[in-house]
Every structure is written in C-alpha cells, then in structure tokens.
C-alpha cells in the first residue's frame, strides 16, 4: 500500500511497508517491496518493517523474520466515519515513539 522511510537521532532508520490486509498475497507483495526498495534506493542500513492489521501464521512469520524483516501490527477502529488506528507497542518502540 505505502512505503516510507524514517529515522530519529536515537533510533536507526526504518523502512515501512503498510498493508490493509494480512493475506498471503499482501505479505508476499510487502516483503518484495521492502527488499526491492531497500536495494534500489540504497536503504540497506534501514530496519525493514512490514505493518499488517493482524499477525500471519507462525510459519509465514518465521520465514519473513528469517529474511531480516520485522512484522508489526496495527488495529483500526471505526467510529462512524472516523477511523482510529492504534499501533503495537513493538512498532512504536522501533520508531522511537512513546507507547
């Protein structure tokens, strides 16, 4: 869906790919984009994070992490037309943000 790169003085730079689904196809696409972007844009020093609305199966999670990528999750809550997005503590910590 969207990739972004960020860093702060006390945390390493990160490259994030956000997906709105945790289907196998979305995970494959997200992993591919993170790998390609980090190589094409010379971001190999960035921590690569795939941000999903739910955790994938343990087997898929293990395979992604074995490739040096991190999977974090977020929750979306709808209140009428407004959406509230809450990120996992692990993701906020990786970004150097308060929980």
N, C-alpha and C. Protein backbone atom coordinates (compact mmCIF):
# COMPACT_ATOMS: atom_id res chain seq x y z
N UNK A 1 0.82 -1.18 0.00
CA UNK A 1 0.00 0.00 0.00
C UNK A 1 0.86 1.25 0.00
N UNK A 2 1.73 1.40 1.02
CA UNK A 2 2.58 2.59 1.08
C UNK A 2 3.85 2.24 1.81
N UNK A 3 4.95 2.73 1.29
CA UNK A 3 6.23 2.56 1.97
C UNK A 3 6.75 3.92 2.36
N UNK A 4 7.43 3.98 3.48
CA UNK A 4 8.02 5.22 3.92
C UNK A 4 9.30 4.92 4.68
N UNK A 5 10.21 5.87 4.66
CA UNK A 5 11.46 5.72 5.40
C UNK A 5 11.53 6.82 6.43
N UNK A 6 12.09 6.49 7.60
CA UNK A 6 12.16 7.45 8.69
C UNK A 6 13.33 7.12 9.59
N UNK A 7 13.77 8.12 10.36
CA UNK A 7 14.80 7.88 11.37
C UNK A 7 14.74 8.99 12.41
N UNK A 8 15.33 8.73 13.56
CA UNK A 8 15.46 9.73 14.61
C UNK A 8 16.87 9.59 15.17
N UNK A 9 17.35 10.60 15.89
CA UNK A 9 18.72 10.53 16.39
C UNK A 9 19.01 9.31 17.26
N UNK A 10 18.03 8.85 18.05
CA UNK A 10 18.30 7.75 18.97
C UNK A 10 17.88 6.39 18.44
N UNK A 11 17.28 6.33 17.26
CA UNK A 11 16.82 5.06 16.68
C UNK A 11 17.32 4.93 15.25
N UNK A 12 17.60 3.70 14.84
CA UNK A 12 18.06 3.51 13.46
C UNK A 12 16.96 3.86 12.46
N UNK A 13 17.38 4.14 11.26
CA UNK A 13 16.43 4.45 10.20
C UNK A 13 15.56 3.23 9.92
N UNK A 14 14.31 3.47 9.54
CA UNK A 14 13.39 2.37 9.24
C UNK A 14 12.73 2.59 7.88
N UNK A 15 12.40 1.48 7.26
CA UNK A 15 11.64 1.48 6.01
C UNK A 15 10.39 0.66 6.29
N UNK A 16 9.22 1.27 6.08
CA UNK A 16 7.95 0.65 6.45
C UNK A 16 7.10 0.43 5.21
N UNK A 17 6.53 -0.76 5.11
CA UNK A 17 5.51 -1.07 4.10
C UNK A 17 4.23 -1.38 4.86
N UNK A 18 3.16 -0.65 4.57
CA UNK A 18 1.88 -0.80 5.25
C UNK A 18 0.91 -1.52 4.34
N UNK A 19 0.27 -2.54 4.88
CA UNK A 19 -0.75 -3.29 4.13
C UNK A 19 -2.07 -3.22 4.89
N UNK A 20 -3.18 -3.23 4.15
CA UNK A 20 -4.50 -3.19 4.76
C UNK A 20 -5.09 -4.58 4.94
N UNK A 21 -4.36 -5.60 4.54
CA UNK A 21 -4.78 -6.99 4.69
C UNK A 21 -3.55 -7.82 5.04
N UNK A 22 -3.79 -8.93 5.72
CA UNK A 22 -2.69 -9.83 6.06
C UNK A 22 -2.78 -11.12 5.27
N UNK A 23 -3.34 -11.02 4.06
CA UNK A 23 -3.41 -12.22 3.21
C UNK A 23 -2.00 -12.60 2.77
N UNK A 24 -1.85 -13.84 2.37
CA UNK A 24 -0.54 -14.30 1.90
C UNK A 24 -0.05 -13.43 0.74
N UNK A 25 -0.94 -13.10 -0.18
CA UNK A 25 -0.55 -12.27 -1.33
C UNK A 25 -0.05 -10.89 -0.89
N UNK A 26 -0.73 -10.28 0.08
CA UNK A 26 -0.29 -8.97 0.58
C UNK A 26 1.06 -9.07 1.28
N UNK A 27 1.27 -10.15 2.01
CA UNK A 27 2.55 -10.33 2.69
C UNK A 27 3.67 -10.54 1.67
N UNK A 28 3.43 -11.37 0.67
CA UNK A 28 4.44 -11.58 -0.38
C UNK A 28 4.78 -10.25 -1.06
N UNK A 29 3.75 -9.47 -1.38
CA UNK A 29 3.97 -8.18 -2.03
C UNK A 29 4.76 -7.23 -1.11
N UNK A 30 4.37 -7.18 0.16
CA UNK A 30 5.05 -6.30 1.10
C UNK A 30 6.51 -6.66 1.28
N UNK A 31 6.79 -7.95 1.41
CA UNK A 31 8.18 -8.41 1.54
C UNK A 31 8.97 -8.03 0.29
N UNK A 32 8.40 -8.29 -0.87
CA UNK A 32 9.08 -7.96 -2.13
C UNK A 32 9.38 -6.48 -2.25
N UNK A 33 8.41 -5.65 -1.90
CA UNK A 33 8.61 -4.20 -1.98
C UNK A 33 9.70 -3.73 -1.02
N UNK A 34 9.69 -4.25 0.20
CA UNK A 34 10.72 -3.86 1.16
C UNK A 34 12.11 -4.26 0.68
N UNK A 35 12.24 -5.45 0.13
CA UNK A 35 13.53 -5.91 -0.37
C UNK A 35 13.97 -5.05 -1.56
N UNK A 36 13.07 -4.83 -2.51
CA UNK A 36 13.42 -4.04 -3.69
C UNK A 36 13.74 -2.60 -3.35
N UNK A 37 12.89 -1.95 -2.54
CA UNK A 37 13.13 -0.55 -2.18
C UNK A 37 14.45 -0.39 -1.45
N UNK A 38 14.75 -1.31 -0.53
CA UNK A 38 15.99 -1.16 0.23
C UNK A 38 17.21 -1.27 -0.68
N UNK A 39 17.11 -2.08 -1.73
CA UNK A 39 18.24 -2.21 -2.67
C UNK A 39 18.26 -1.08 -3.70
N UNK A 40 17.11 -0.77 -4.28
CA UNK A 40 17.05 0.24 -5.35
C UNK A 40 17.34 1.65 -4.83
N UNK A 41 16.93 1.93 -3.59
CA UNK A 41 17.10 3.27 -3.03
C UNK A 41 18.28 3.36 -2.07
N UNK A 42 19.12 2.32 -2.05
CA UNK A 42 20.30 2.26 -1.20
C UNK A 42 19.94 2.51 0.27
N UNK A 43 18.94 1.75 0.75
CA UNK A 43 18.49 1.86 2.13
C UNK A 43 18.80 0.58 2.91
N UNK A 44 19.90 -0.07 2.56
CA UNK A 44 20.23 -1.34 3.19
C UNK A 44 20.51 -1.21 4.68
N UNK A 45 20.81 0.00 5.15
CA UNK A 45 21.06 0.21 6.57
C UNK A 45 19.76 0.44 7.36
N UNK A 46 18.62 0.49 6.67
CA UNK A 46 17.33 0.71 7.33
C UNK A 46 16.76 -0.59 7.88
N UNK A 47 16.11 -0.52 9.03
CA UNK A 47 15.35 -1.65 9.59
C UNK A 47 14.07 -1.75 8.76
N UNK A 48 13.80 -2.92 8.19
CA UNK A 48 12.63 -3.11 7.31
C UNK A 48 11.47 -3.69 8.11
N UNK A 49 10.33 -2.98 8.08
CA UNK A 49 9.16 -3.37 8.85
C UNK A 49 7.95 -3.50 7.95
N UNK A 50 7.28 -4.63 8.02
CA UNK A 50 6.02 -4.86 7.32
C UNK A 50 4.92 -4.67 8.36
N UNK A 51 4.05 -3.69 8.13
CA UNK A 51 2.99 -3.34 9.07
C UNK A 51 1.68 -3.90 8.56
N UNK A 52 1.07 -4.80 9.36
CA UNK A 52 -0.14 -5.52 8.96
C UNK A 52 -1.25 -5.33 9.99
N UNK A 53 -2.51 -5.52 9.57
CA UNK A 53 -3.63 -5.41 10.52
C UNK A 53 -3.75 -6.62 11.45
N UNK A 54 -3.06 -7.71 11.16
CA UNK A 54 -3.05 -8.88 12.05
C UNK A 54 -1.80 -9.71 11.76
N UNK A 55 -1.43 -10.53 12.72
CA UNK A 55 -0.25 -11.39 12.56
C UNK A 55 -0.55 -12.52 11.59
N UNK A 56 0.40 -12.86 10.75
CA UNK A 56 0.23 -14.02 9.86
C UNK A 56 0.48 -15.32 10.63
N UNK A 57 0.36 -16.43 9.95
CA UNK A 57 0.63 -17.72 10.58
C UNK A 57 2.07 -17.75 11.09
N UNK A 58 2.30 -18.61 12.06
CA UNK A 58 3.64 -18.72 12.65
C UNK A 58 4.68 -19.10 11.61
N UNK A 59 4.32 -19.96 10.67
CA UNK A 59 5.25 -20.39 9.62
C UNK A 59 5.65 -19.21 8.73
N UNK A 60 4.67 -18.44 8.30
CA UNK A 60 4.95 -17.28 7.45
C UNK A 60 5.70 -16.21 8.22
N UNK A 61 5.33 -15.98 9.46
CA UNK A 61 6.03 -15.00 10.30
C UNK A 61 7.50 -15.38 10.45
N UNK A 62 7.75 -16.64 10.72
CA UNK A 62 9.12 -17.12 10.89
C UNK A 62 9.94 -16.95 9.60
N UNK A 63 9.33 -17.25 8.46
CA UNK A 63 10.03 -17.13 7.18
C UNK A 63 10.38 -15.67 6.88
N UNK A 64 9.44 -14.76 7.15
CA UNK A 64 9.69 -13.33 6.91
C UNK A 64 10.80 -12.83 7.83
N UNK A 65 10.72 -13.18 9.11
CA UNK A 65 11.74 -12.73 10.05
C UNK A 65 13.11 -13.33 9.73
N UNK A 66 13.15 -14.54 9.17
CA UNK A 66 14.42 -15.16 8.78
C UNK A 66 15.10 -14.38 7.67
N UNK A 67 14.34 -13.60 6.92
CA UNK A 67 14.89 -12.76 5.86
C UNK A 67 15.31 -11.39 6.37
N UNK A 68 15.23 -11.19 7.69
CA UNK A 68 15.69 -9.93 8.29
C UNK A 68 14.65 -8.84 8.33
N UNK A 69 13.39 -9.18 8.12
CA UNK A 69 12.31 -8.21 8.18
C UNK A 69 11.54 -8.39 9.47
N UNK A 70 10.94 -7.32 9.95
CA UNK A 70 10.11 -7.37 11.15
C UNK A 70 8.65 -7.21 10.73
N UNK A 71 7.76 -7.95 11.36
CA UNK A 71 6.33 -7.76 11.14
C UNK A 71 5.74 -7.16 12.41
N UNK A 72 5.03 -6.05 12.26
CA UNK A 72 4.31 -5.43 13.37
C UNK A 72 2.86 -5.30 12.95
N UNK A 73 2.00 -5.07 13.94
CA UNK A 73 0.57 -4.98 13.66
C UNK A 73 -0.02 -3.66 14.11
N UNK A 74 -1.21 -3.40 13.59
CA UNK A 74 -1.99 -2.24 13.99
C UNK A 74 -3.46 -2.65 14.04
N UNK A 75 -4.27 -1.87 14.76
CA UNK A 75 -5.71 -2.09 14.85
C UNK A 75 -6.43 -0.86 14.34
N UNK A 76 -7.51 -1.06 13.61
CA UNK A 76 -8.34 0.04 13.14
C UNK A 76 -9.72 -0.11 13.77
N UNK A 77 -10.17 0.97 14.39
CA UNK A 77 -11.50 1.01 14.98
C UNK A 77 -12.28 2.13 14.30
N UNK A 78 -13.46 1.80 13.82
CA UNK A 78 -14.30 2.80 13.15
C UNK A 78 -15.31 3.37 14.16
N UNK A 79 -15.47 4.68 14.13
CA UNK A 79 -16.46 5.39 14.95
C UNK A 79 -17.23 6.29 13.99
N UNK A 80 -18.29 5.75 13.44
CA UNK A 80 -19.00 6.48 12.39
C UNK A 80 -18.11 6.52 11.16
N UNK A 81 -17.79 7.72 10.71
CA UNK A 81 -16.92 7.88 9.54
C UNK A 81 -15.46 8.07 9.92
N UNK A 82 -15.21 8.21 11.22
CA UNK A 82 -13.84 8.42 11.68
C UNK A 82 -13.16 7.09 11.98
N UNK A 83 -11.90 7.01 11.65
CA UNK A 83 -11.12 5.80 11.92
C UNK A 83 -10.04 6.12 12.95
N UNK A 84 -9.87 5.22 13.90
CA UNK A 84 -8.80 5.34 14.88
C UNK A 84 -7.83 4.19 14.62
N UNK A 85 -6.56 4.52 14.50
CA UNK A 85 -5.54 3.50 14.25
C UNK A 85 -4.61 3.44 15.46
N UNK A 86 -4.48 2.23 16.01
CA UNK A 86 -3.59 2.01 17.15
C UNK A 86 -2.49 1.05 16.71
N UNK A 87 -1.24 1.44 16.97
CA UNK A 87 -0.09 0.64 16.59
C UNK A 87 0.40 -0.18 17.78
N UNK A 88 1.01 -1.31 17.50
CA UNK A 88 1.54 -2.17 18.57
C UNK A 88 2.67 -1.46 19.30
N UNK A 89 2.85 -1.84 20.56
CA UNK A 89 3.95 -1.27 21.35
C UNK A 89 5.30 -1.56 20.70
N UNK A 90 5.45 -2.76 20.12
CA UNK A 90 6.71 -3.12 19.47
C UNK A 90 7.01 -2.18 18.30
N UNK A 91 5.99 -1.85 17.52
CA UNK A 91 6.18 -0.94 16.39
C UNK A 91 6.53 0.46 16.87
N UNK A 92 5.80 0.96 17.85
CA UNK A 92 6.08 2.30 18.38
C UNK A 92 7.50 2.38 18.95
N UNK A 93 7.92 1.34 19.62
CA UNK A 93 9.28 1.29 20.17
C UNK A 93 10.32 1.33 19.05
N UNK A 94 10.11 0.56 17.98
CA UNK A 94 11.04 0.57 16.83
C UNK A 94 11.14 1.96 16.22
N UNK A 95 10.04 2.72 16.27
CA UNK A 95 10.01 4.08 15.70
C UNK A 95 10.52 5.12 16.66
N UNK A 96 10.78 4.72 17.91
CA UNK A 96 11.26 5.68 18.90
C UNK A 96 10.14 6.57 19.42
N UNK A 97 8.90 6.09 19.36
CA UNK A 97 7.74 6.85 19.80
C UNK A 97 7.24 6.34 21.14
N UNK A 98 6.62 7.22 21.94
CA UNK A 98 6.07 6.75 23.22
C UNK A 98 4.90 5.80 23.00
N UNK A 99 4.73 4.90 23.94
CA UNK A 99 3.63 3.93 23.84
C UNK A 99 2.35 4.48 24.39
